[in-house]
Amino acid sequence: MKSNWKKQFKKNWGIWVITLLMACTLIGRGAPSLIRGISGLMSSSDQTATAATTPTTATAAVTGSTPEVSSDAPTETLAIAAQFDHVADFHQDRAAVEVDGQWGYIDKSGQMVIEPQFEDAGNFVEGLAWVQTEEQYGYIDPTGAYVIEPQFDHGQNFSDGLAAVQVNDKWGYIDQTGKMVIEPAYDFADPFAEGLALIKQDDKWGFIDEQGQAVSQAQFDGGWDFSGGLAWVIDSGQRGYVDKTGQVVIDPQFEQTRDFADGLAPVEQEGRWGFIDTTGQMVIKPQFQAAAPFADGLAPVQSGGKWGYIDQTGQMVIEPQFTHAEKFHEQIAKVDMNGKTGFIDQKGTFVIEPQFDHAASFSEGLAAVEVDGKWGFVAHSS
């Protein structure tokens, strides 16, 4: 997982426990995926150092010094053979991969297009990816050339043309030329989502707009990014939701909350999970042991110790049968059964049988999978 994960964790550890248990992605957040967390990678990035040299690009196939593919790997289903120590999802036709402790990038054919040379590396978003070298963060383009030289203590993905960066323990925002457009003034800052960003000041959380103006003063004990026009916040141990004006529109009353998607959000009340609409009305009563947001019209829920899927009326359309299930991506969902991971369609039929040690959700037609301690990618044809 990305080094930025450690900073996100500081928001509220309880929420992250739920998030990790349900293995829902931090999509679009500063960390490429949960893959690195599954594999146990936590890069060292809490120090500072000098800038690095220009990155090296390559067009050679992934061969030579890269690790050998396990003979037990299910190669008949792999689009890119399992050979990497850790990987991230594909974004903008590139995926970060780790080989012998260094990160580079491959394309969808498995060609190494930017040679492994970084201490850590992020997703390409809006044409740029953050990379860490000599414990400093900069940004490269898809050819591997630096657009913004390494100079920051931390960096996050671009969103709406801005990226949160840390300088001397304070966070601000740069544009795609590297110009500081919102001066470092925050203890922490998230990427922008729906035009607003979550920030931390003096141990409280609030929201700013893209001009750096406070939409909601830092007053909450915790919070999350906007999704579906609302963001959840924590006040006195209870969770509710604010709108884009910073007004509390759903009073804090829940033990746990998740993002809105398709007009509904999972919430926990008295130890059970249900779903509310954007007015705060409980439209699917609390009855599940756990739940994740809707995607493609279905939401994963846990009932009786097993995971299945409900529709927006609350009807169970894929019966609980999985030891773990995640939300749909590209009409396919990652599920665990009998100690292995596979993928199902929206009818609950396996499109890729459970056979992998671990896996990530599909992104741009490919999903990262782990086989015997190495990572590769599997494709789907739908």
Protein backbone atom coordinates (compact mmCIF):
# COMPACT_ATOMS: atom_id res chain seq x y z
CA MET A 1 0.00 0.00 0.00
CA LYS A 2 1.05 3.57 -0.49
CA SER A 3 3.03 5.44 2.10
CA ASN A 4 0.18 7.96 2.09
CA TRP A 5 -1.90 5.25 3.76
CA LYS A 6 -0.19 6.03 7.03
CA LYS A 7 -1.33 9.63 6.87
CA GLN A 8 -4.90 8.64 6.00
CA PHE A 9 -4.86 6.25 8.96
CA LYS A 10 -4.40 9.15 11.35
CA LYS A 11 -7.87 10.46 10.54
CA ASN A 12 -9.67 7.75 12.45
CA TRP A 13 -8.23 4.34 13.12
CA GLY A 14 -11.61 2.74 13.79
CA ILE A 15 -12.88 3.60 10.34
CA TRP A 16 -9.75 2.19 8.79
CA VAL A 17 -10.17 -1.08 10.64
CA ILE A 18 -13.64 -1.39 9.10
CA THR A 19 -12.28 -0.31 5.73
CA LEU A 20 -9.46 -2.82 5.79
CA LEU A 21 -11.70 -5.62 6.98
CA MET A 22 -14.04 -5.00 4.09
CA ALA A 23 -11.05 -4.30 1.80
CA CYS A 24 -12.81 -1.48 0.05
CA THR A 25 -10.61 0.62 -2.11
CA LEU A 26 -9.50 4.18 -1.35
CA ILE A 27 -10.26 5.03 -4.81
CA GLY A 28 -8.89 8.05 -6.16
CA ARG A 29 -7.41 8.93 -2.82
CA GLY A 30 -3.53 9.28 -2.87
CA ALA A 31 -2.87 5.57 -2.56
CA PRO A 32 -3.23 3.37 -5.60
CA SER A 33 -4.95 0.44 -3.97
CA LEU A 34 -5.18 -1.95 -1.08
CA ILE A 35 -2.81 -4.35 -2.81
CA ARG A 36 0.26 -3.13 -0.98
CA GLY A 37 -1.49 -3.40 2.36
CA ILE A 38 -2.41 -7.00 1.63
CA SER A 39 1.20 -7.71 0.79
CA GLY A 40 2.45 -5.97 3.90
CA LEU A 41 4.34 -3.09 2.27
CA MET A 42 4.73 0.05 4.36
CA SER A 43 7.40 2.23 2.81
CA SER A 44 9.54 4.52 4.92
CA SER A 45 8.52 8.06 4.08
CA ASP A 46 8.52 10.08 7.28
CA GLN A 47 11.94 11.65 6.72
CA THR A 48 13.44 14.21 4.38
CA ALA A 49 16.33 14.19 1.91
CA THR A 50 17.64 15.87 -1.20
CA ALA A 51 16.22 15.75 -4.73
CA ALA A 52 17.03 12.85 -7.05
CA THR A 53 18.27 12.55 -10.59
CA THR A 54 16.17 12.21 -13.72
CA PRO A 55 14.26 8.89 -13.91
CA THR A 56 15.19 6.19 -16.40
CA THR A 57 12.63 4.98 -18.94
CA ALA A 58 12.61 1.68 -20.78
CA THR A 59 10.74 -0.21 -23.46
CA ALA A 60 12.16 -3.67 -22.86
CA ALA A 61 9.93 -6.56 -21.84
CA VAL A 62 9.74 -7.58 -18.19
CA THR A 63 12.54 -10.12 -18.29
CA GLY A 64 16.13 -10.54 -17.17
CA SER A 65 16.62 -9.47 -13.57
CA THR A 66 12.93 -9.66 -12.67
CA PRO A 67 11.90 -12.58 -10.44
CA GLU A 68 10.98 -15.89 -12.00
CA VAL A 69 7.33 -16.82 -12.34
CA SER A 70 6.20 -19.57 -9.99
CA SER A 71 5.64 -22.89 -11.71
CA ASP A 72 2.43 -23.26 -9.71
CA ALA A 73 0.96 -20.00 -11.00
CA PRO A 74 -2.35 -20.30 -12.90
CA THR A 75 -0.73 -18.87 -16.00
CA GLU A 76 -3.62 -19.86 -18.22
CA THR A 77 -5.67 -17.03 -16.71
CA LEU A 78 -2.96 -14.42 -16.30
CA ALA A 79 -2.61 -11.55 -18.74
CA ILE A 80 0.66 -10.48 -17.07
CA ALA A 81 2.60 -13.21 -15.30
CA ALA A 82 3.01 -13.16 -11.52
CA GLN A 83 6.56 -11.86 -11.13
CA PHE A 84 6.44 -8.66 -9.07
CA ASP A 85 6.97 -8.17 -5.34
CA HIS A 86 4.12 -5.67 -5.05
CA VAL A 87 1.90 -3.84 -7.51
CA ALA A 88 -0.75 -1.13 -7.77
CA ASP A 89 -3.85 -0.86 -9.96
CA PHE A 90 -3.73 0.29 -13.55
CA HIS A 91 -4.51 3.97 -14.04
CA GLN A 92 -4.14 5.76 -17.35
CA ASP A 93 -2.53 2.64 -18.91
CA ARG A 94 0.21 2.43 -16.28
CA ALA A 95 0.63 0.32 -13.14
CA ALA A 96 3.31 0.82 -10.51
CA VAL A 97 5.24 -2.39 -9.76
CA GLU A 98 7.98 -3.22 -7.28
CA VAL A 99 11.01 -5.31 -8.19
CA ASP A 100 13.80 -5.89 -5.66
CA GLY A 101 12.73 -2.97 -3.50
CA GLN A 102 12.43 -0.43 -6.31
CA TRP A 103 9.29 0.83 -8.04
CA GLY A 104 8.74 1.35 -11.75
CA TYR A 105 5.81 1.18 -14.17
CA ILE A 106 4.49 -1.33 -16.68
CA ASP A 107 1.96 -0.93 -19.48
CA LYS A 108 -0.95 -3.28 -20.15
CA SER A 109 1.20 -5.63 -22.20
CA GLY A 110 3.48 -6.13 -19.21
CA GLN A 111 6.31 -4.11 -20.73
CA MET A 112 8.41 -2.18 -18.22
CA VAL A 113 8.07 1.36 -19.57
CA ILE A 114 9.65 3.18 -16.61
CA GLU A 115 12.47 1.22 -15.01
CA PRO A 116 12.28 0.40 -11.28
CA GLN A 117 14.16 3.21 -9.54
CA PHE A 118 11.83 4.80 -6.99
CA GLU A 119 11.39 4.17 -3.27
CA ASP A 120 7.63 4.45 -3.75
CA ALA A 121 5.31 5.37 -6.60
CA GLY A 122 1.70 6.45 -7.03
CA ASN A 123 -1.01 6.17 -9.65
CA PHE A 124 -1.10 8.29 -12.76
CA VAL A 125 -3.93 10.76 -12.29
CA GLU A 126 -4.53 13.70 -14.60
CA GLY A 127 -1.36 12.73 -16.45
CA LEU A 128 1.02 12.81 -13.47
CA ALA A 129 2.13 10.37 -10.78
CA TRP A 130 3.91 11.11 -7.54
CA VAL A 131 7.14 9.25 -6.90
CA GLN A 132 9.47 9.12 -3.93
CA THR A 133 13.23 9.16 -4.33
CA GLU A 134 15.81 9.82 -1.64
CA GLU A 135 12.84 10.36 0.67
CA GLN A 136 11.52 13.32 -1.31
CA TYR A 137 8.40 13.44 -3.46
CA GLY A 138 8.08 14.76 -7.01
CA TYR A 139 5.85 14.11 -10.02
CA ILE A 140 6.56 12.37 -13.33
CA ASP A 141 4.72 12.11 -16.65
CA PRO A 142 3.90 8.77 -18.39
CA THR A 143 7.33 8.73 -20.07
CA GLY A 144 9.04 8.87 -16.67
CA ALA A 145 10.30 12.44 -17.04
CA TYR A 146 10.07 14.72 -14.04
CA VAL A 147 7.51 17.48 -14.45
CA ILE A 148 7.92 18.55 -10.82
CA GLU A 149 11.30 17.73 -9.26
CA PRO A 150 11.42 15.86 -5.93
CA GLN A 151 11.24 18.49 -3.19
CA PHE A 152 8.32 17.65 -0.91
CA ASP A 153 8.19 15.65 2.30
CA HIS A 154 5.01 13.91 1.09
CA GLY A 155 2.76 14.13 -1.93
CA GLN A 156 -0.67 12.93 -3.00
CA ASN A 157 -2.51 12.39 -6.27
CA PHE A 158 -3.66 15.29 -8.39
CA SER A 159 -7.37 16.03 -8.42
CA ASP A 160 -9.03 18.96 -10.17
CA GLY A 161 -5.56 20.14 -11.16
CA LEU A 162 -4.26 20.34 -7.59
CA ALA A 163 -2.20 18.01 -5.40
CA ALA A 164 -1.71 18.08 -1.65
CA VAL A 165 1.96 18.21 -0.62
CA GLN A 166 3.76 18.46 2.70
CA VAL A 167 6.56 20.93 3.40
CA ASN A 168 8.11 21.22 6.87
CA ASP A 169 5.25 19.38 8.58
CA LYS A 170 2.54 21.51 6.97
CA TRP A 171 0.31 20.68 4.01
CA GLY A 172 -0.67 22.87 1.08
CA TYR A 173 -1.56 22.42 -2.59
CA ILE A 174 0.41 22.76 -5.82
CA ASP A 175 -0.77 23.03 -9.41
CA GLN A 176 0.57 20.90 -12.26
CA THR A 177 3.52 23.21 -12.78
CA GLY A 178 4.60 22.74 -9.17
CA LYS A 179 3.52 26.22 -8.10
CA MET A 180 2.21 26.42 -4.53
CA VAL A 181 -1.31 27.80 -4.98
CA ILE A 182 -2.62 27.10 -1.46
CA GLU A 183 0.14 27.78 1.04
CA PRO A 184 1.11 25.04 3.53
CA ALA A 185 -0.99 25.76 6.60
CA TYR A 186 -2.61 22.45 7.50
CA ASP A 187 -1.63 19.53 9.69
CA PHE A 188 -3.00 17.24 7.00
CA ALA A 189 -4.75 17.69 3.65
CA ASP A 190 -6.62 15.28 1.42
CA PRO A 191 -7.00 15.38 -2.37
CA PHE A 192 -9.95 17.41 -3.63
CA ALA A 193 -13.19 15.52 -4.21
CA GLU A 194 -16.20 17.16 -5.81
CA GLY A 195 -14.47 20.53 -5.50
CA LEU A 196 -13.74 20.36 -1.76
CA ALA A 197 -10.88 18.96 0.31
CA LEU A 198 -10.76 17.64 3.85
CA ILE A 199 -8.11 19.37 5.98
CA LYS A 200 -6.88 19.15 9.56
CA GLN A 201 -5.97 22.08 11.79
CA ASP A 202 -5.31 22.00 15.52
CA ASP A 203 -6.58 18.41 15.80
CA LYS A 204 -9.90 19.28 14.18
CA TRP A 205 -11.18 18.62 10.67
CA GLY A 206 -12.94 20.84 8.15
CA PHE A 207 -13.24 21.50 4.41
CA ILE A 208 -11.77 24.05 2.01
CA ASP A 209 -12.55 24.95 -1.60
CA GLU A 210 -10.06 25.08 -4.47
CA GLN A 211 -9.18 28.70 -3.63
CA GLY A 212 -8.20 27.66 -0.12
CA GLN A 213 -11.27 29.25 1.46
CA ALA A 214 -12.84 27.48 4.43
CA VAL A 215 -16.25 26.05 3.56
CA SER A 216 -16.49 24.41 6.95
CA GLN A 217 -14.19 25.52 9.75
CA ALA A 218 -12.06 22.81 11.32
CA GLN A 219 -14.49 21.75 14.04
CA PHE A 220 -15.03 18.01 13.67
CA ASP A 221 -13.25 15.13 15.37
CA GLY A 222 -12.89 13.28 12.06
CA GLY A 223 -14.19 13.20 8.53
CA TRP A 224 -13.96 11.87 5.01
CA ASP A 225 -14.06 13.11 1.42
CA PHE A 226 -17.21 14.16 -0.40
CA SER A 227 -19.13 11.56 -2.38
CA GLY A 228 -22.59 12.04 -3.82
CA GLY A 229 -22.66 15.61 -2.54
CA LEU A 230 -22.20 14.67 1.12
CA ALA A 231 -19.29 13.88 3.42
CA TRP A 232 -19.41 12.09 6.72
CA VAL A 233 -17.98 13.73 9.83
CA ILE A 234 -17.44 12.75 13.46
CA ASP A 235 -18.72 14.82 16.35
CA SER A 236 -18.45 13.59 19.95
CA GLY A 237 -17.99 10.02 18.80
CA GLN A 238 -21.04 9.96 16.55
CA ARG A 239 -21.11 10.20 12.76
CA GLY A 240 -23.32 12.30 10.52
CA TYR A 241 -23.06 14.10 7.18
CA VAL A 242 -22.41 17.63 5.94
CA ASP A 243 -23.28 19.16 2.58
CA LYS A 244 -21.04 21.28 0.38
CA THR A 245 -21.93 24.46 2.25
CA GLY A 246 -20.51 22.88 5.40
CA GLN A 247 -23.92 22.52 7.02
CA VAL A 248 -24.73 19.39 8.99
CA VAL A 249 -27.67 17.91 7.09
CA ILE A 250 -27.78 14.49 8.75
CA ASP A 251 -27.20 14.78 12.48
CA PRO A 252 -24.39 12.72 14.02
CA GLN A 253 -26.14 9.61 15.32
CA PHE A 254 -24.37 6.61 13.79
CA GLU A 255 -21.58 4.42 15.10
CA GLN A 256 -19.99 4.02 11.66
CA THR A 257 -20.68 5.52 8.24
CA ARG A 258 -19.53 5.07 4.67
CA ASP A 259 -19.68 7.05 1.43
CA PHE A 260 -22.86 7.78 -0.47
CA ALA A 261 -23.18 5.97 -3.80
CA ASP A 262 -26.29 5.72 -5.96
CA GLY A 263 -28.04 7.93 -3.40
CA LEU A 264 -27.54 5.53 -0.48
CA ALA A 265 -24.93 5.15 2.25
CA PRO A 266 -24.23 2.26 4.65
CA VAL A 267 -24.45 3.21 8.32
CA GLU A 268 -24.08 1.29 11.55
CA GLN A 269 -26.60 1.73 14.34
CA GLU A 270 -26.69 -0.37 17.50
CA GLY A 271 -24.23 -2.82 16.04
CA ARG A 272 -26.08 -3.46 12.78
CA TRP A 273 -25.68 -1.97 9.31
CA GLY A 274 -28.41 -0.52 7.13
CA PHE A 275 -28.64 2.14 4.42
CA ILE A 276 -29.87 5.74 4.53
CA ASP A 277 -30.80 8.11 1.73
CA THR A 278 -29.48 11.66 1.36
CA THR A 279 -32.18 13.00 3.70
CA GLY A 280 -31.03 10.67 6.47
CA GLN A 281 -34.05 8.39 6.22
CA MET A 282 -33.30 4.72 6.88
CA VAL A 283 -34.47 3.02 3.68
CA ILE A 284 -32.90 -0.39 4.34
CA LYS A 285 -33.21 -1.19 8.03
CA PRO A 286 -30.10 -2.08 10.05
CA GLN A 287 -29.81 -5.86 9.88
CA PHE A 288 -26.37 -6.73 8.53
CA GLN A 289 -23.12 -7.49 10.32
CA ALA A 290 -21.22 -5.32 7.84
CA ALA A 291 -21.89 -3.48 4.58
CA ALA A 292 -20.10 -1.53 1.86
CA PRO A 293 -21.37 1.15 -0.57
CA PHE A 294 -23.41 0.38 -3.67
CA ALA A 295 -21.77 0.03 -7.07
CA ASP A 296 -23.48 -1.01 -10.29
CA GLY A 297 -26.75 -1.26 -8.35
CA LEU A 298 -25.52 -3.83 -5.82
CA ALA A 299 -23.95 -3.60 -2.37
CA PRO A 300 -21.97 -6.27 -0.49
CA VAL A 301 -23.37 -7.13 2.93
CA GLN A 302 -22.48 -9.65 5.60
CA SER A 303 -25.21 -11.79 7.12
CA GLY A 304 -24.77 -14.92 9.19
CA GLY A 305 -21.02 -14.62 8.88
CA LYS A 306 -21.09 -14.81 5.07
CA TRP A 307 -21.12 -12.12 2.39
CA GLY A 308 -23.67 -11.64 -0.37
CA TYR A 309 -25.20 -8.75 -2.32
CA ILE A 310 -28.40 -6.74 -2.03
CA ASP A 311 -30.14 -4.46 -4.50
CA GLN A 312 -31.36 -0.95 -3.69
CA THR A 313 -34.62 -2.27 -2.27
CA GLY A 314 -32.70 -4.34 0.26
CA GLN A 315 -33.50 -7.64 -1.44
CA MET A 316 -30.74 -10.25 -1.30
CA VAL A 317 -29.98 -10.97 -4.97
CA ILE A 318 -26.74 -12.93 -4.47
CA GLU A 319 -27.09 -15.13 -1.41
CA PRO A 320 -24.49 -14.88 1.37
CA GLN A 321 -21.90 -17.54 0.60
CA PHE A 322 -18.53 -15.81 0.50
CA THR A 323 -16.02 -15.38 3.31
CA HIS A 324 -15.44 -11.88 1.97
CA ALA A 325 -16.87 -9.77 -0.83
CA GLU A 326 -16.13 -6.34 -2.26
CA LYS A 327 -18.16 -3.91 -4.31
CA PHE A 328 -18.41 -4.23 -8.07
CA HIS A 329 -15.86 -2.64 -10.38
CA GLU A 330 -16.43 -2.83 -14.11
CA GLN A 331 -19.43 -5.13 -13.44
CA ILE A 332 -17.19 -7.68 -11.71
CA ALA A 333 -16.66 -8.18 -7.98
CA LYS A 334 -13.80 -9.77 -6.07
CA VAL A 335 -14.87 -12.46 -3.60
CA ASP A 336 -13.18 -14.99 -1.33
CA MET A 337 -14.22 -18.61 -0.98
CA ASN A 338 -12.43 -21.60 0.53
CA GLY A 339 -9.28 -19.60 1.15
CA LYS A 340 -8.89 -18.38 -2.42
CA THR A 341 -9.99 -15.28 -4.33
CA GLY A 342 -11.98 -15.18 -7.56
CA PHE A 343 -14.38 -12.88 -9.40
CA ILE A 344 -18.13 -12.98 -10.00
CA ASP A 345 -20.54 -11.20 -12.32
CA GLN A 346 -23.73 -9.45 -11.23
CA LYS A 347 -25.65 -12.71 -11.33
CA GLY A 348 -23.27 -14.25 -8.82
CA THR A 349 -21.64 -16.53 -11.39
CA PHE A 350 -17.90 -16.97 -11.23
CA VAL A 351 -16.23 -15.46 -14.27
CA ILE A 352 -12.84 -16.33 -12.80
CA GLU A 353 -12.85 -19.23 -10.36
CA PRO A 354 -11.29 -18.74 -6.90
CA GLN A 355 -7.61 -19.60 -7.36
CA PHE A 356 -5.54 -16.65 -6.18
CA ASP A 357 -3.96 -16.03 -2.79
CA HIS A 358 -5.02 -12.39 -2.87
CA ALA A 359 -6.36 -10.00 -5.48
CA ALA A 360 -7.48 -6.45 -6.08
CA SER A 361 -10.55 -5.22 -7.91
CA PHE A 362 -10.57 -4.64 -11.64
CA SER A 363 -9.29 -1.34 -13.00
CA GLU A 364 -9.05 -0.59 -16.71
CA GLY A 365 -9.79 -4.21 -17.58
CA LEU A 366 -7.09 -5.76 -15.38
CA ALA A 367 -6.95 -6.91 -11.76
CA ALA A 368 -3.82 -7.54 -9.72
CA VAL A 369 -3.58 -11.07 -8.33
CA GLU A 370 -1.11 -12.77 -6.01
CA VAL A 371 0.16 -16.29 -6.62
CA ASP A 372 2.77 -17.86 -4.34
CA GLY A 373 3.97 -14.50 -3.07
CA LYS A 374 4.29 -12.80 -6.46
CA TRP A 375 1.91 -10.42 -8.19
CA GLY A 376 0.62 -10.34 -11.76
CA PHE A 377 -2.58 -9.32 -13.52
CA VAL A 378 -5.65 -11.14 -14.78
CA ALA A 379 -7.95 -9.78 -17.50
CA HIS A 380 -11.68 -10.02 -18.08
CA SER A 381 -13.40 -10.03 -21.44
CA SER A 382 -16.69 -8.41 -20.46
